[in-house]
Amino acid sequence: MGRRKGKPTGTLRLACAAVLGRLHVLPRLPRFLERYPDVAVDLVMGDDFADLVEQRIDLSIRIGALTDPGLVARRIGISRRVLVATPGYLERHGTPRTPEELRQHNCILYTRLATGANWPFTGRDGPISVPVQGRIQVNNTEGVRAAILSGLGIGMVPAWHFVDREIETGRLIPLLPDYEPAPHPIHAVYPTRRFVPPKLRAMLDYLATEFELDPLLSAYAEGR
């Protein structure tokens, strides 16, 4: 009886950002479902933070600072951001050497960025924030990625967007290597409660291990 009670079963309702779900959660579900044949997954993908109680979410993956003290959180990764552009764009407009030079460039703006049109960096002399502008603005990071790859300007996006080795193959050129855009933590969160269902614990541990092994998502370098 005790063994059956501790076995992961039932439907797990999992929420995450759409692009993270497409690139890093859905591809990992086949192994999870094979490992836990009595668990089904209801994946809720969207760019707004889901209300865990109202939407009956069991587990949510969130990127950035957490603001809800009523949730239990476990850090499972890091979202490092990169500043990139295509070789074609840089040939036409030049390559910025300092964050201040971004003012003269067409920067692709992500309208949901917490800092708005101010891009934060960390350099030798500490943090710096630079106001940027551009003719293209997009309300999701996957659109920013597509605009960058189309040669429309310089963009700042999470490194985990580039699963097709766009940087390694030279399709995109990383910029300002001495100025790292501030990274964001990746947390798995769930409602505060005394009992954690086995299906939730199974997914939480699985994603934590998977992200840890992925250099695009790993938090090792951040001293977790």
C-alpha atoms as a PDB file:
ATOM      1  CA  MET A   1       0.000   0.000   0.000  1.00  0.00           C
ATOM      2  CA  GLY A   2       2.802   2.441   0.937  1.00  0.00           C
ATOM      3  CA  ARG A   3       4.743   1.657  -2.218  1.00  0.00           C
ATOM      4  CA  ARG A   4       1.721   2.344  -4.421  1.00  0.00           C
ATOM      5  CA  LYS A   5       1.043   5.604  -2.618  1.00  0.00           C
ATOM      6  CA  GLY A   6       4.611   6.819  -3.245  1.00  0.00           C
ATOM      7  CA  LYS A   7       4.598   6.001  -6.955  1.00  0.00           C
ATOM      8  CA  PRO A   8       4.260   8.968  -9.363  1.00  0.00           C
ATOM      9  CA  THR A   9       0.796   8.813 -10.929  1.00  0.00           C
ATOM     10  CA  GLY A  10      -1.818  11.120 -12.402  1.00  0.00           C
ATOM     11  CA  THR A  11      -1.717  14.259 -14.546  1.00  0.00           C
ATOM     12  CA  LEU A  12       0.890  16.913 -13.808  1.00  0.00           C
ATOM     13  CA  ARG A  13      -0.028  20.427 -14.905  1.00  0.00           C
ATOM     14  CA  LEU A  14       3.248  22.159 -15.813  1.00  0.00           C
ATOM     15  CA  ALA A  15       3.583  25.828 -16.833  1.00  0.00           C
ATOM     16  CA  CYS A  16       6.487  27.550 -18.605  1.00  0.00           C
ATOM     17  CA  ALA A  17       7.304  30.232 -21.152  1.00  0.00           C
ATOM     18  CA  ALA A  18       6.397  29.231 -24.704  1.00  0.00           C
ATOM     19  CA  VAL A  19       9.916  29.335 -26.140  1.00  0.00           C
ATOM     20  CA  LEU A  20      11.403  27.479 -23.161  1.00  0.00           C
ATOM     21  CA  GLY A  21       8.729  24.836 -23.525  1.00  0.00           C
ATOM     22  CA  ARG A  22       9.348  24.396 -27.234  1.00  0.00           C
ATOM     23  CA  LEU A  23      13.136  24.281 -27.042  1.00  0.00           C
ATOM     24  CA  HIS A  24      13.898  22.674 -23.692  1.00  0.00           C
ATOM     25  CA  VAL A  25      10.862  21.098 -22.035  1.00  0.00           C
ATOM     26  CA  LEU A  26       8.964  19.299 -24.810  1.00  0.00           C
ATOM     27  CA  PRO A  27      12.129  17.605 -26.187  1.00  0.00           C
ATOM     28  CA  ARG A  28      12.775  16.188 -22.714  1.00  0.00           C
ATOM     29  CA  LEU A  29       9.287  14.829 -22.081  1.00  0.00           C
ATOM     30  CA  PRO A  30       9.665  11.509 -23.968  1.00  0.00           C
ATOM     31  CA  ARG A  31      12.304  10.263 -21.502  1.00  0.00           C
ATOM     32  CA  PHE A  32      10.272  11.462 -18.536  1.00  0.00           C
ATOM     33  CA  LEU A  33       7.103   9.734 -19.747  1.00  0.00           C
ATOM     34  CA  GLU A  34       9.025   6.553 -20.453  1.00  0.00           C
ATOM     35  CA  ARG A  35      10.468   6.617 -16.955  1.00  0.00           C
ATOM     36  CA  TYR A  36       7.088   7.325 -15.346  1.00  0.00           C
ATOM     37  CA  PRO A  37       4.436   5.497 -17.403  1.00  0.00           C
ATOM     38  CA  ASP A  38       1.630   6.331 -14.939  1.00  0.00           C
ATOM     39  CA  VAL A  39       2.123  10.115 -15.256  1.00  0.00           C
ATOM     40  CA  ALA A  40       0.557  12.371 -17.907  1.00  0.00           C
ATOM     41  CA  VAL A  41       1.662  15.975 -18.531  1.00  0.00           C
ATOM     42  CA  ASP A  42      -0.621  18.931 -19.197  1.00  0.00           C
ATOM     43  CA  LEU A  43       1.804  21.583 -20.481  1.00  0.00           C
ATOM     44  CA  VAL A  44       0.671  25.213 -20.223  1.00  0.00           C
ATOM     45  CA  MET A  45       2.922  27.435 -22.348  1.00  0.00           C
ATOM     46  CA  GLY A  46       2.678  31.218 -22.332  1.00  0.00           C
ATOM     47  CA  ASP A  47       4.734  34.361 -21.770  1.00  0.00           C
ATOM     48  CA  ASP A  48       2.674  35.554 -18.788  1.00  0.00           C
ATOM     49  CA  PHE A  49       3.269  34.071 -15.364  1.00  0.00           C
ATOM     50  CA  ALA A  50       0.490  31.601 -14.661  1.00  0.00           C
ATOM     51  CA  ASP A  51      -1.527  31.956 -11.469  1.00  0.00           C
ATOM     52  CA  LEU A  52      -0.731  28.602  -9.891  1.00  0.00           C
ATOM     53  CA  VAL A  53      -3.811  28.430  -7.687  1.00  0.00           C
ATOM     54  CA  GLU A  54      -6.362  29.854 -10.115  1.00  0.00           C
ATOM     55  CA  GLN A  55      -5.094  27.763 -13.059  1.00  0.00           C
ATOM     56  CA  ARG A  56      -4.488  24.643 -10.945  1.00  0.00           C
ATOM     57  CA  ILE A  57      -0.798  24.553 -11.890  1.00  0.00           C
ATOM     58  CA  ASP A  58       1.234  21.897 -10.085  1.00  0.00           C
ATOM     59  CA  LEU A  59       4.665  23.180 -11.125  1.00  0.00           C
ATOM     60  CA  SER A  60       5.877  26.270 -12.984  1.00  0.00           C
ATOM     61  CA  ILE A  61       9.266  27.152 -14.468  1.00  0.00           C
ATOM     62  CA  ARG A  62      10.009  30.848 -14.076  1.00  0.00           C
ATOM     63  CA  ILE A  63      12.917  32.950 -15.302  1.00  0.00           C
ATOM     64  CA  GLY A  64      13.982  36.035 -13.378  1.00  0.00           C
ATOM     65  CA  ALA A  65      13.563  37.318  -9.851  1.00  0.00           C
ATOM     66  CA  LEU A  66      10.740  35.797  -7.819  1.00  0.00           C
ATOM     67  CA  THR A  67       8.247  38.182  -6.266  1.00  0.00           C
ATOM     68  CA  ASP A  68       5.669  35.840  -4.723  1.00  0.00           C
ATOM     69  CA  PRO A  69       6.702  34.811  -1.195  1.00  0.00           C
ATOM     70  CA  GLY A  70       3.808  32.352  -1.041  1.00  0.00           C
ATOM     71  CA  LEU A  71       5.518  29.896  -3.397  1.00  0.00           C
ATOM     72  CA  VAL A  72       8.099  27.209  -2.776  1.00  0.00           C
ATOM     73  CA  ALA A  73      11.024  27.670  -5.166  1.00  0.00           C
ATOM     74  CA  ARG A  74      14.000  25.596  -6.237  1.00  0.00           C
ATOM     75  CA  ARG A  75      16.669  27.043  -8.476  1.00  0.00           C
ATOM     76  CA  ILE A  76      17.278  24.632 -11.354  1.00  0.00           C
ATOM     77  CA  GLY A  77      19.364  26.676 -13.780  1.00  0.00           C
ATOM     78  CA  ILE A  78      20.632  30.003 -15.022  1.00  0.00           C
ATOM     79  CA  SER A  79      19.549  32.039 -18.020  1.00  0.00           C
ATOM     80  CA  ARG A  80      22.662  33.731 -19.358  1.00  0.00           C
ATOM     81  CA  ARG A  81      22.069  36.420 -21.935  1.00  0.00           C
ATOM     82  CA  VAL A  82      24.197  37.164 -24.972  1.00  0.00           C
ATOM     83  CA  LEU A  83      24.524  40.221 -27.191  1.00  0.00           C
ATOM     84  CA  VAL A  84      24.667  39.162 -30.851  1.00  0.00           C
ATOM     85  CA  ALA A  85      24.206  40.274 -34.442  1.00  0.00           C
ATOM     86  CA  THR A  86      24.660  38.739 -37.896  1.00  0.00           C
ATOM     87  CA  PRO A  87      27.906  39.234 -39.834  1.00  0.00           C
ATOM     88  CA  GLY A  88      25.876  41.059 -42.486  1.00  0.00           C
ATOM     89  CA  TYR A  89      24.531  43.625 -40.046  1.00  0.00           C
ATOM     90  CA  LEU A  90      27.998  44.278 -38.623  1.00  0.00           C
ATOM     91  CA  GLU A  91      29.478  44.674 -42.113  1.00  0.00           C
ATOM     92  CA  ARG A  92      26.899  47.354 -42.907  1.00  0.00           C
ATOM     93  CA  HIS A  93      26.901  49.209 -39.589  1.00  0.00           C
ATOM     94  CA  GLY A  94      30.165  48.410 -37.823  1.00  0.00           C
ATOM     95  CA  THR A  95      30.899  46.527 -34.609  1.00  0.00           C
ATOM     96  CA  PRO A  96      30.344  48.233 -31.244  1.00  0.00           C
ATOM     97  CA  ARG A  97      33.346  48.099 -28.927  1.00  0.00           C
ATOM     98  CA  THR A  98      31.712  49.436 -25.757  1.00  0.00           C
ATOM     99  CA  PRO A  99      28.150  49.439 -24.402  1.00  0.00           C
ATOM    100  CA  GLU A 100      27.933  53.196 -25.033  1.00  0.00           C
ATOM    101  CA  GLU A 101      28.406  52.610 -28.767  1.00  0.00           C
ATOM    102  CA  LEU A 102      25.121  50.688 -28.820  1.00  0.00           C
ATOM    103  CA  ARG A 103      23.415  54.091 -28.827  1.00  0.00           C
ATOM    104  CA  GLN A 104      24.448  54.453 -32.493  1.00  0.00           C
ATOM    105  CA  HIS A 105      23.042  51.063 -33.489  1.00  0.00           C
ATOM    106  CA  ASN A 106      19.669  49.632 -34.398  1.00  0.00           C
ATOM    107  CA  CYS A 107      18.894  47.526 -31.332  1.00  0.00           C
ATOM    108  CA  ILE A 108      16.008  45.067 -31.322  1.00  0.00           C
ATOM    109  CA  LEU A 109      13.891  45.830 -28.286  1.00  0.00           C
ATOM    110  CA  TYR A 110      12.102  43.250 -26.175  1.00  0.00           C
ATOM    111  CA  THR A 111       9.101  45.139 -24.841  1.00  0.00           C
ATOM    112  CA  ARG A 112       8.613  42.870 -21.819  1.00  0.00           C
ATOM    113  CA  LEU A 113      12.148  43.394 -20.497  1.00  0.00           C
ATOM    114  CA  ALA A 114      11.947  44.567 -16.875  1.00  0.00           C
ATOM    115  CA  THR A 115      14.547  47.286 -17.517  1.00  0.00           C
ATOM    116  CA  GLY A 116      12.751  48.525 -20.631  1.00  0.00           C
ATOM    117  CA  ALA A 117      15.010  50.089 -23.276  1.00  0.00           C
ATOM    118  CA  ASN A 118      17.939  50.126 -20.845  1.00  0.00           C
ATOM    119  CA  TRP A 119      20.290  47.178 -21.299  1.00  0.00           C
ATOM    120  CA  PRO A 120      22.215  46.130 -18.159  1.00  0.00           C
ATOM    121  CA  PHE A 121      25.803  44.893 -18.316  1.00  0.00           C
ATOM    122  CA  THR A 122      28.555  43.981 -15.874  1.00  0.00           C
ATOM    123  CA  GLY A 123      32.042  45.155 -16.819  1.00  0.00           C
ATOM    124  CA  ARG A 124      35.427  45.554 -15.158  1.00  0.00           C
ATOM    125  CA  ASP A 125      34.196  48.627 -13.297  1.00  0.00           C
ATOM    126  CA  GLY A 126      30.926  47.064 -12.164  1.00  0.00           C
ATOM    127  CA  PRO A 127      27.346  47.279 -13.435  1.00  0.00           C
ATOM    128  CA  ILE A 128      26.363  49.659 -16.207  1.00  0.00           C
ATOM    129  CA  SER A 129      23.012  50.377 -17.867  1.00  0.00           C
ATOM    130  CA  VAL A 130      22.821  51.774 -21.401  1.00  0.00           C
ATOM    131  CA  PRO A 131      19.690  53.240 -23.036  1.00  0.00           C
ATOM    132  CA  VAL A 132      19.219  51.801 -26.520  1.00  0.00           C
ATOM    133  CA  GLN A 133      16.818  52.339 -29.376  1.00  0.00           C
ATOM    134  CA  GLY A 134      15.791  50.667 -32.601  1.00  0.00           C
ATOM    135  CA  ARG A 135      13.174  50.412 -35.317  1.00  0.00           C
ATOM    136  CA  ILE A 136      12.045  46.910 -34.321  1.00  0.00           C
ATOM    137  CA  GLN A 137      10.436  45.942 -31.034  1.00  0.00           C
ATOM    138  CA  VAL A 138       8.943  42.558 -30.178  1.00  0.00           C
ATOM    139  CA  ASN A 139       6.869  41.274 -27.261  1.00  0.00           C
ATOM    140  CA  ASN A 140       8.522  37.827 -26.994  1.00  0.00           C
ATOM    141  CA  THR A 141      12.123  36.684 -27.066  1.00  0.00           C
ATOM    142  CA  GLU A 142      11.578  34.176 -29.853  1.00  0.00           C
ATOM    143  CA  GLY A 143      10.587  37.120 -32.056  1.00  0.00           C
ATOM    144  CA  VAL A 144      13.743  38.951 -30.968  1.00  0.00           C
ATOM    145  CA  ARG A 145      15.777  35.885 -31.951  1.00  0.00           C
ATOM    146  CA  ALA A 146      14.136  35.764 -35.393  1.00  0.00           C
ATOM    147  CA  ALA A 147      14.731  39.496 -35.937  1.00  0.00           C
ATOM    148  CA  ILE A 148      18.414  39.111 -35.045  1.00  0.00           C
ATOM    149  CA  LEU A 149      18.840  36.192 -37.441  1.00  0.00           C
ATOM    150  CA  SER A 150      17.151  38.262 -40.159  1.00  0.00           C
ATOM    151  CA  GLY A 151      19.897  40.874 -39.837  1.00  0.00           C
ATOM    152  CA  LEU A 152      17.596  43.595 -38.519  1.00  0.00           C
ATOM    153  CA  GLY A 153      19.865  44.699 -35.703  1.00  0.00           C
ATOM    154  CA  ILE A 154      21.669  43.856 -32.476  1.00  0.00           C
ATOM    155  CA  GLY A 155      19.760  41.868 -29.870  1.00  0.00           C
ATOM    156  CA  MET A 156      20.166  40.656 -26.302  1.00  0.00           C
ATOM    157  CA  VAL A 157      18.542  37.283 -25.652  1.00  0.00           C
ATOM    158  CA  PRO A 158      19.051  34.203 -23.467  1.00  0.00           C
ATOM    159  CA  ALA A 159      21.841  31.945 -24.724  1.00  0.00           C
ATOM    160  CA  TRP A 160      19.522  28.909 -24.498  1.00  0.00           C
ATOM    161  CA  HIS A 161      17.582  30.223 -27.512  1.00  0.00           C
ATOM    162  CA  PHE A 162      20.415  29.121 -29.782  1.00  0.00           C
ATOM    163  CA  VAL A 163      20.071  25.347 -29.768  1.00  0.00           C
ATOM    164  CA  ASP A 164      21.168  25.104 -33.424  1.00  0.00           C
ATOM    165  CA  ARG A 165      24.724  26.336 -32.686  1.00  0.00           C
ATOM    166  CA  GLU A 166      24.126  29.645 -34.435  1.00  0.00           C
ATOM    167  CA  ILE A 167      27.041  31.256 -32.571  1.00  0.00           C
ATOM    168  CA  GLU A 168      29.464  28.339 -32.979  1.00  0.00           C
ATOM    169  CA  THR A 169      28.822  28.147 -36.730  1.00  0.00           C
ATOM    170  CA  GLY A 170      29.235  31.896 -37.286  1.00  0.00           C
ATOM    171  CA  ARG A 171      25.616  32.712 -38.198  1.00  0.00           C
ATOM    172  CA  LEU A 172      25.717  35.104 -35.257  1.00  0.00           C
ATOM    173  CA  ILE A 173      28.633  37.064 -33.801  1.00  0.00           C
ATOM    174  CA  PRO A 174      28.825  37.607 -30.024  1.00  0.00           C
ATOM    175  CA  LEU A 175      29.554  41.221 -29.088  1.00  0.00           C
ATOM    176  CA  LEU A 176      31.183  43.058 -26.165  1.00  0.00           C
ATOM    177  CA  PRO A 177      32.888  40.031 -24.584  1.00  0.00           C
ATOM    178  CA  ASP A 178      34.138  42.174 -21.676  1.00  0.00           C
ATOM    179  CA  TYR A 179      30.608  43.254 -20.768  1.00  0.00           C
ATOM    180  CA  GLU A 180      28.308  40.417 -19.743  1.00  0.00           C
ATOM    181  CA  PRO A 181      24.567  41.074 -19.760  1.00  0.00           C
ATOM    182  CA  ALA A 182      23.186  40.377 -16.292  1.00  0.00           C
ATOM    183  CA  PRO A 183      21.963  36.725 -16.101  1.00  0.00           C
ATOM    184  CA  HIS A 184      18.627  35.588 -14.681  1.00  0.00           C
ATOM    185  CA  PRO A 185      17.992  32.583 -12.418  1.00  0.00           C
ATOM    186  CA  ILE A 186      15.654  29.789 -13.503  1.00  0.00           C
ATOM    187  CA  HIS A 187      13.392  28.482 -10.748  1.00  0.00           C
ATOM    188  CA  ALA A 188      10.845  25.718 -10.487  1.00  0.00           C
ATOM    189  CA  VAL A 189       8.039  26.919  -8.227  1.00  0.00           C
ATOM    190  CA  TYR A 190       4.959  25.306  -6.734  1.00  0.00           C
ATOM    191  CA  PRO A 191       2.290  26.314  -4.222  1.00  0.00           C
ATOM    192  CA  THR A 192       3.194  26.179  -0.561  1.00  0.00           C
ATOM    193  CA  ARG A 193       1.832  22.996   0.956  1.00  0.00           C
ATOM    194  CA  ARG A 194       2.964  20.312   3.320  1.00  0.00           C
ATOM    195  CA  PHE A 195       2.503  17.388   0.949  1.00  0.00           C
ATOM    196  CA  VAL A 196       4.427  17.285  -2.336  1.00  0.00           C
ATOM    197  CA  PRO A 197       2.859  14.698  -4.688  1.00  0.00           C
ATOM    198  CA  PRO A 198       5.273  12.099  -6.093  1.00  0.00           C
ATOM    199  CA  LYS A 199       4.474  13.213  -9.669  1.00  0.00           C
ATOM    200  CA  LEU A 200       5.576  16.783  -8.828  1.00  0.00           C
ATOM    201  CA  ARG A 201       8.726  15.611  -7.067  1.00  0.00           C
ATOM    202  CA  ALA A 202       9.570  13.363 -10.023  1.00  0.00           C
ATOM    203  CA  MET A 203       9.288  16.192 -12.560  1.00  0.00           C
ATOM    204  CA  LEU A 204      11.141  18.640 -10.338  1.00  0.00           C
ATOM    205  CA  ASP A 205      14.087  16.305  -9.861  1.00  0.00           C
ATOM    206  CA  TYR A 206      14.072  15.309 -13.525  1.00  0.00           C
ATOM    207  CA  LEU A 207      14.186  18.885 -14.857  1.00  0.00           C
ATOM    208  CA  ALA A 208      16.803  19.912 -12.292  1.00  0.00           C
ATOM    209  CA  THR A 209      19.087  17.105 -13.464  1.00  0.00           C
ATOM    210  CA  GLU A 210      18.418  17.736 -17.164  1.00  0.00           C
ATOM    211  CA  PHE A 211      19.093  21.466 -16.902  1.00  0.00           C
ATOM    212  CA  GLU A 212      22.220  20.847 -14.851  1.00  0.00           C
ATOM    213  CA  LEU A 213      23.659  18.709 -17.654  1.00  0.00           C
ATOM    214  CA  ASP A 214      22.865  21.270 -20.366  1.00  0.00           C
ATOM    215  CA  PRO A 215      25.630  23.913 -20.764  1.00  0.00           C
ATOM    216  CA  LEU A 216      23.056  26.389 -22.091  1.00  0.00           C
ATOM    217  CA  LEU A 217      21.055  26.145 -18.857  1.00  0.00           C
ATOM    218  CA  SER A 218      23.540  24.982 -16.263  1.00  0.00           C
ATOM    219  CA  ALA A 219      23.909  26.910 -13.022  1.00  0.00           C
ATOM    220  CA  TYR A 220      27.291  25.375 -12.161  1.00  0.00           C
ATOM    221  CA  ALA A 221      29.208  28.506 -13.097  1.00  0.00           C
ATOM    222  CA  GLU A 222      27.068  30.577 -10.781  1.00  0.00           C
ATOM    223  CA  GLY A 223      28.087  28.610  -7.703  1.00  0.00           C
ATOM    224  CA  ARG A 224      24.669  27.156  -6.962  1.00  0.00           C
END
